[in-house]
Amino acid sequence: MPAFRFKRFSVEHERSTMKVGTDGVLLGAWASLPERPEIGDGLAVAGRSAEPLGVSGGTLSAESPRRFLDVGCGCGLIALMLAQRLAAEGWKSWEARVDALDLDAASFEEALSNTASSRYREYLSVSCLDYRDLPDSFPPRSYSRIVSNPPYFRESLKCPKAQRNQARHADTLPFEELLSVSERLLEPGGRLCLILPPDSWECVQRLLPEHAPLLELCRLARVFSKPGKACERVMAEWVRREEATRRASHQRLWVLPKEESASNGMCLNGVDIQDILIHDEAGGYTEEYRALVKGFYLWA
């Protein structure tokens, strides 16, 4: 399988559990990034690097870069997209660190190769780890963003290929543990961003009060492949609140209508809601989709 070429990097994805696909590109382009804060006086030294320790006092330093995490990174696509976006917004490699994790050895090796050969390698770190059992180098409240295109099938028929099952079935990363570990790792104000089928998203919402009570929905995008089709994916972003600042609306179970609606730009109970249509009636890509992915796909 040839490498998949994007505008600013290429991705080998023959051995990974997850190949390059629309879901990963959507998530990598849509997930929010924080504004770049002021740099600590006397610490803006080009080329400096250090083990990331988190953020202190709203400033950045070489000793405390802002941290981002891609869970179940596969070939490293989303991590590379985040690194590209951070660089484009002026973040230096010592100001921002993107960690990528996968428990599959072949995926880890391919992600490591893809990131090492990219122009963004100084932003990136790849590890072969199980998200449910992270070492002490992943301390609580240390990440600004956690993104994941997670395995989502629960109690469904599995295919004969074990590696494909690992990528698609939630046995290796149940939603309950994805939520609880993410809440622990996020700094106050940090965000978890996922892409899921609608029924899996509703399952996650039901699990939140018990397994991640401090996560509050703040952004939502419904993805439609073409006009007249039902919603196929939901991208959702939750912000980590402190107990005292949670809104009562957090407990509401959001139910998605299957049809498209005039919801672009709407804010409901503090949640920004958007519909993304990929193809128009003629089968071409819509302008909104092109605008979202224009920094990545060669054709956009």
Protein backbone atom coordinates (compact mmCIF):
# COMPACT_ATOMS: atom_id res chain seq x y z
CA MET A 1 0.00 0.00 0.00
CA PRO A 2 1.57 3.33 -1.05
CA ALA A 3 1.98 6.19 1.40
CA PHE A 4 -0.94 8.60 1.66
CA ARG A 5 0.30 12.06 0.74
CA PHE A 6 -1.05 15.15 2.43
CA LYS A 7 0.06 18.71 1.71
CA ARG A 8 2.74 18.83 4.41
CA PHE A 9 3.40 15.20 5.37
CA SER A 10 3.01 11.65 4.11
CA VAL A 11 1.65 8.68 6.04
CA GLU A 12 2.50 5.01 5.63
CA HIS A 13 -0.52 3.04 6.85
CA GLU A 14 -0.15 -0.52 5.64
CA ARG A 15 0.62 -2.12 9.03
CA SER A 16 -1.49 0.04 11.35
CA THR A 17 -4.78 -1.05 12.88
CA MET A 18 -6.43 2.07 11.44
CA LYS A 19 -5.78 3.26 7.90
CA VAL A 20 -6.05 6.85 6.75
CA GLY A 21 -9.75 7.64 6.52
CA THR A 22 -12.35 10.39 6.62
CA ASP A 23 -13.01 9.99 10.36
CA GLY A 24 -9.41 10.68 11.35
CA VAL A 25 -9.05 13.64 9.02
CA LEU A 26 -12.33 15.14 10.24
CA LEU A 27 -11.29 14.85 13.88
CA GLY A 28 -7.77 16.16 13.33
CA ALA A 29 -9.10 19.20 11.50
CA TRP A 30 -12.11 19.90 13.77
CA ALA A 31 -10.71 19.44 17.30
CA SER A 32 -10.18 22.81 18.95
CA LEU A 33 -6.76 24.12 19.95
CA PRO A 34 -6.12 26.58 22.78
CA GLU A 35 -4.93 30.09 22.09
CA ARG A 36 -1.18 30.44 22.33
CA PRO A 37 -0.43 32.27 25.62
CA GLU A 38 2.38 34.67 26.33
CA ILE A 39 5.84 33.16 26.72
CA GLY A 40 7.60 33.28 30.07
CA ASP A 41 10.21 36.05 30.17
CA GLY A 42 13.74 34.87 29.43
CA LEU A 43 12.61 31.40 28.38
CA ALA A 44 11.91 31.81 24.65
CA VAL A 45 15.08 30.02 23.55
CA ALA A 46 14.83 28.41 20.11
CA GLY A 47 15.65 24.73 20.03
CA ARG A 48 15.29 24.09 23.76
CA SER A 49 13.56 20.89 24.77
CA ALA A 50 12.70 19.21 28.02
CA GLU A 51 10.47 16.50 29.44
CA PRO A 52 6.94 17.98 29.44
CA LEU A 53 5.63 18.74 32.91
CA GLY A 54 2.45 20.69 32.18
CA VAL A 55 1.39 24.32 32.34
CA SER A 56 1.83 26.76 35.20
CA GLY A 57 0.41 30.24 35.61
CA GLY A 58 -0.87 30.51 32.03
CA THR A 59 2.60 30.95 30.54
CA LEU A 60 4.75 28.58 28.54
CA SER A 61 8.36 27.65 28.99
CA ALA A 62 10.75 25.06 27.65
CA GLU A 63 10.31 23.22 30.97
CA SER A 64 6.48 23.26 30.81
CA PRO A 65 5.10 23.01 27.27
CA ARG A 66 1.40 22.65 26.57
CA ARG A 67 0.56 18.97 26.13
CA PHE A 68 -1.75 17.28 23.62
CA LEU A 69 -2.59 13.56 23.43
CA ASP A 70 -3.77 11.29 20.59
CA VAL A 71 -5.18 8.06 22.05
CA GLY A 72 -5.12 5.02 19.75
CA CYS A 73 -3.02 6.89 17.22
CA GLY A 74 -2.77 4.13 14.60
CA CYS A 75 -0.41 5.38 11.91
CA GLY A 76 -0.07 8.78 13.64
CA LEU A 77 -2.38 10.73 11.33
CA ILE A 78 -4.23 12.81 13.94
CA ALA A 79 -1.08 13.55 15.93
CA LEU A 80 0.60 14.81 12.76
CA MET A 81 -2.43 16.97 11.93
CA LEU A 82 -2.38 18.52 15.40
CA ALA A 83 1.34 19.21 15.11
CA GLN A 84 0.83 20.86 11.71
CA ARG A 85 -1.94 23.06 13.08
CA LEU A 86 0.09 24.05 16.13
CA ALA A 87 3.06 25.00 13.97
CA ALA A 88 0.80 27.00 11.63
CA GLU A 89 -0.57 28.96 14.60
CA GLY A 90 2.92 29.93 15.73
CA TRP A 91 3.58 27.39 18.49
CA LYS A 92 7.24 26.44 18.72
CA SER A 93 8.24 22.83 19.24
CA TRP A 94 9.36 23.55 22.80
CA GLU A 95 6.02 25.24 23.59
CA ALA A 96 3.76 22.36 22.55
CA ARG A 97 4.15 18.59 22.81
CA VAL A 98 1.89 16.08 21.02
CA ASP A 99 2.00 12.60 22.56
CA ALA A 100 0.64 9.70 20.50
CA LEU A 101 -0.24 6.32 22.03
CA ASP A 102 -1.17 2.93 20.63
CA LEU A 103 -1.05 -0.47 22.28
CA ASP A 104 -0.58 -2.28 18.95
CA ALA A 105 3.12 -2.79 18.23
CA ALA A 106 2.81 -2.55 14.43
CA SER A 107 0.81 0.68 14.69
CA PHE A 108 3.33 2.12 17.11
CA GLU A 109 6.24 1.31 14.80
CA GLU A 110 4.49 2.83 11.79
CA ALA A 111 3.47 5.96 13.72
CA LEU A 112 7.03 6.30 15.00
CA SER A 113 8.38 6.09 11.46
CA ASN A 114 5.79 8.53 10.08
CA THR A 115 6.41 11.14 12.75
CA ALA A 116 10.20 10.76 12.65
CA SER A 117 10.26 11.44 8.91
CA SER A 118 7.99 14.48 9.08
CA ARG A 119 8.88 18.15 9.39
CA TYR A 120 6.95 18.18 12.69
CA ARG A 121 8.99 15.49 14.43
CA GLU A 122 10.22 17.85 17.17
CA TYR A 123 6.61 18.36 18.30
CA LEU A 124 5.84 14.65 18.51
CA SER A 125 6.41 11.71 20.83
CA VAL A 126 5.07 8.19 20.15
CA SER A 127 4.66 5.44 22.76
CA CYS A 128 3.45 1.83 22.70
CA LEU A 129 1.20 1.91 25.76
CA ASP A 130 -2.22 0.85 26.99
CA TYR A 131 -4.25 3.96 27.83
CA ARG A 132 -5.81 2.15 30.78
CA ASP A 133 -2.46 1.59 32.49
CA LEU A 134 -0.23 4.61 31.92
CA PRO A 135 3.07 5.14 33.76
CA ASP A 136 3.83 8.03 36.11
CA SER A 137 5.20 10.08 33.21
CA PHE A 138 1.52 10.81 32.43
CA PRO A 139 0.57 12.77 35.57
CA PRO A 140 -2.98 13.92 36.37
CA ARG A 141 -4.24 17.27 35.09
CA SER A 142 -1.40 17.58 32.57
CA TYR A 143 -3.09 17.67 29.13
CA SER A 144 -4.76 20.58 27.37
CA ARG A 145 -6.39 18.38 24.71
CA ILE A 146 -7.05 14.66 24.39
CA VAL A 147 -8.32 13.46 21.01
CA SER A 148 -9.31 9.97 19.94
CA ASN A 149 -10.91 8.11 17.05
CA PRO A 150 -11.65 5.23 19.44
CA PRO A 151 -12.82 1.65 18.93
CA TYR A 152 -16.59 1.83 19.27
CA PHE A 153 -18.29 -1.53 18.56
CA ARG A 154 -19.72 -3.06 21.74
CA GLU A 155 -21.07 -6.62 21.90
CA SER A 156 -21.11 -6.98 18.12
CA LEU A 157 -19.91 -9.66 15.70
CA LYS A 158 -16.14 -9.59 15.23
CA CYS A 159 -14.21 -10.15 12.04
CA PRO A 160 -11.52 -12.87 11.75
CA LYS A 161 -8.63 -10.37 11.85
CA ALA A 162 -7.55 -9.73 15.44
CA GLN A 163 -5.80 -6.45 14.61
CA ARG A 164 -8.93 -5.06 12.93
CA ASN A 165 -11.00 -6.08 15.95
CA GLN A 166 -8.61 -4.16 18.18
CA ALA A 167 -9.13 -1.04 16.10
CA ARG A 168 -12.92 -1.27 15.92
CA HIS A 169 -14.15 -3.10 19.03
CA ALA A 170 -14.18 -1.41 22.41
CA ASP A 171 -12.86 -4.47 24.29
CA THR A 172 -9.35 -2.97 24.43
CA LEU A 173 -10.54 0.51 25.42
CA PRO A 174 -14.07 0.50 26.89
CA PHE A 175 -15.82 3.86 26.87
CA GLU A 176 -15.95 3.82 30.68
CA GLU A 177 -12.15 3.74 30.94
CA LEU A 178 -11.61 6.12 28.03
CA LEU A 179 -13.74 8.69 29.88
CA SER A 180 -12.37 8.19 33.38
CA VAL A 181 -8.70 8.22 32.36
CA SER A 182 -9.26 11.27 30.15
CA GLU A 183 -10.92 13.19 32.97
CA ARG A 184 -7.96 12.40 35.22
CA LEU A 185 -5.38 13.52 32.66
CA LEU A 186 -7.06 16.75 31.56
CA GLU A 187 -6.11 20.05 33.16
CA PRO A 188 -9.02 22.26 34.31
CA GLY A 189 -10.40 23.78 31.12
CA GLY A 190 -8.82 21.00 29.04
CA ARG A 191 -10.93 19.21 26.46
CA LEU A 192 -11.66 15.67 25.28
CA CYS A 193 -12.59 15.37 21.60
CA LEU A 194 -14.01 12.17 20.05
CA ILE A 195 -15.55 11.04 16.77
CA LEU A 196 -18.18 8.29 17.03
CA PRO A 197 -21.26 6.83 15.34
CA PRO A 198 -24.44 8.44 16.77
CA ASP A 199 -25.45 5.44 18.88
CA SER A 200 -21.95 5.19 20.40
CA TRP A 201 -22.00 8.92 21.15
CA GLU A 202 -25.31 8.53 22.98
CA CYS A 203 -23.78 5.62 24.93
CA VAL A 204 -20.86 7.84 25.95
CA GLN A 205 -23.26 10.55 27.10
CA ARG A 206 -25.09 8.07 29.32
CA LEU A 207 -21.82 6.95 30.90
CA LEU A 208 -20.51 10.44 31.68
CA PRO A 209 -22.27 11.14 35.01
CA GLU A 210 -20.78 8.02 36.60
CA HIS A 211 -17.38 7.74 34.92
CA ALA A 212 -16.42 11.34 34.12
CA PRO A 213 -18.73 13.72 36.02
CA LEU A 214 -16.46 16.72 35.49
CA LEU A 215 -16.64 16.55 31.69
CA GLU A 216 -19.25 18.88 30.21
CA LEU A 217 -20.30 18.95 26.57
CA CYS A 218 -19.28 22.21 24.87
CA ARG A 219 -19.06 21.53 21.08
CA LEU A 220 -20.94 19.16 18.81
CA ALA A 221 -20.83 18.47 15.06
CA ARG A 222 -23.06 16.06 13.17
CA VAL A 223 -21.50 14.65 10.00
CA PHE A 224 -23.60 13.73 6.93
CA SER A 225 -22.12 12.07 3.84
CA LYS A 226 -24.70 13.57 1.46
CA PRO A 227 -28.08 15.36 1.50
CA GLY A 228 -30.99 13.20 2.63
CA LYS A 229 -28.78 10.67 4.43
CA ALA A 230 -28.93 10.07 8.18
CA CYS A 231 -26.18 11.39 10.44
CA GLU A 232 -23.23 8.98 10.20
CA ARG A 233 -20.74 10.43 12.70
CA VAL A 234 -20.79 12.75 15.67
CA MET A 235 -17.78 14.79 16.72
CA ALA A 236 -18.07 15.97 20.30
CA GLU A 237 -15.88 17.97 22.62
CA TRP A 238 -16.16 18.03 26.40
CA VAL A 239 -14.46 20.52 28.70
CA ARG A 240 -13.16 19.49 32.13
CA ARG A 241 -14.88 21.61 34.75
CA GLU A 242 -14.18 21.97 38.43
CA GLU A 243 -17.01 20.69 40.62
CA ALA A 244 -18.12 24.18 41.58
CA THR A 245 -18.50 25.42 38.01
CA ARG A 246 -20.52 22.64 36.43
CA ARG A 247 -23.84 23.69 34.89
CA ALA A 248 -27.05 21.84 35.62
CA SER A 249 -27.43 21.20 31.87
CA HIS A 250 -24.47 18.82 32.08
CA GLN A 251 -26.79 16.02 33.18
CA ARG A 252 -29.01 16.38 30.12
CA LEU A 253 -28.90 13.45 27.70
CA TRP A 254 -28.53 14.98 24.28
CA VAL A 255 -30.60 13.15 21.66
CA LEU A 256 -29.65 13.75 18.04
CA PRO A 257 -32.27 14.01 15.29
CA LYS A 258 -31.29 11.88 12.33
CA GLU A 259 -32.02 14.52 9.70
CA GLU A 260 -30.05 17.61 8.81
CA SER A 261 -31.30 20.80 10.39
CA ALA A 262 -30.42 24.46 10.27
CA SER A 263 -28.12 24.11 13.26
CA ASN A 264 -24.90 25.64 11.97
CA GLY A 265 -23.63 28.29 14.33
CA MET A 266 -26.34 27.57 16.92
CA CYS A 267 -25.48 27.61 20.61
CA LEU A 268 -27.86 25.65 22.84
CA ASN A 269 -27.32 25.52 26.62
CA GLY A 270 -23.69 26.50 26.15
CA VAL A 271 -23.04 23.90 23.43
CA ASP A 272 -21.90 25.06 19.98
CA ILE A 273 -23.68 22.90 17.39
CA GLN A 274 -22.69 22.41 13.76
CA ASP A 275 -23.72 20.22 10.82
CA ILE A 276 -21.03 19.14 8.35
CA LEU A 277 -22.12 17.90 4.93
CA ILE A 278 -19.34 16.17 2.99
CA HIS A 279 -20.88 15.73 -0.48
CA ASP A 280 -23.40 17.90 -2.32
CA GLU A 281 -26.28 16.70 -4.50
CA ALA A 282 -23.96 16.26 -7.49
CA GLY A 283 -21.51 14.12 -5.50
CA GLY A 284 -18.78 16.77 -5.24
CA TYR A 285 -17.28 18.01 -2.00
CA THR A 286 -19.11 20.87 -0.32
CA GLU A 287 -17.41 24.19 0.30
CA GLU A 288 -17.73 23.76 4.09
CA TYR A 289 -15.93 20.41 3.95
CA ARG A 290 -13.23 21.79 1.66
CA ALA A 291 -12.71 24.70 4.06
CA LEU A 292 -12.34 22.31 7.01
CA VAL A 293 -9.73 20.06 5.37
CA LYS A 294 -8.00 22.53 3.02
CA GLY A 295 -4.80 22.53 5.08
CA PHE A 296 -4.35 18.78 4.56
CA TYR A 297 -5.77 17.10 1.46
CA LEU A 298 -3.94 17.78 -1.80
CA TRP A 299 -7.22 18.34 -3.67
CA ALA A 300 -8.72 20.80 -1.18
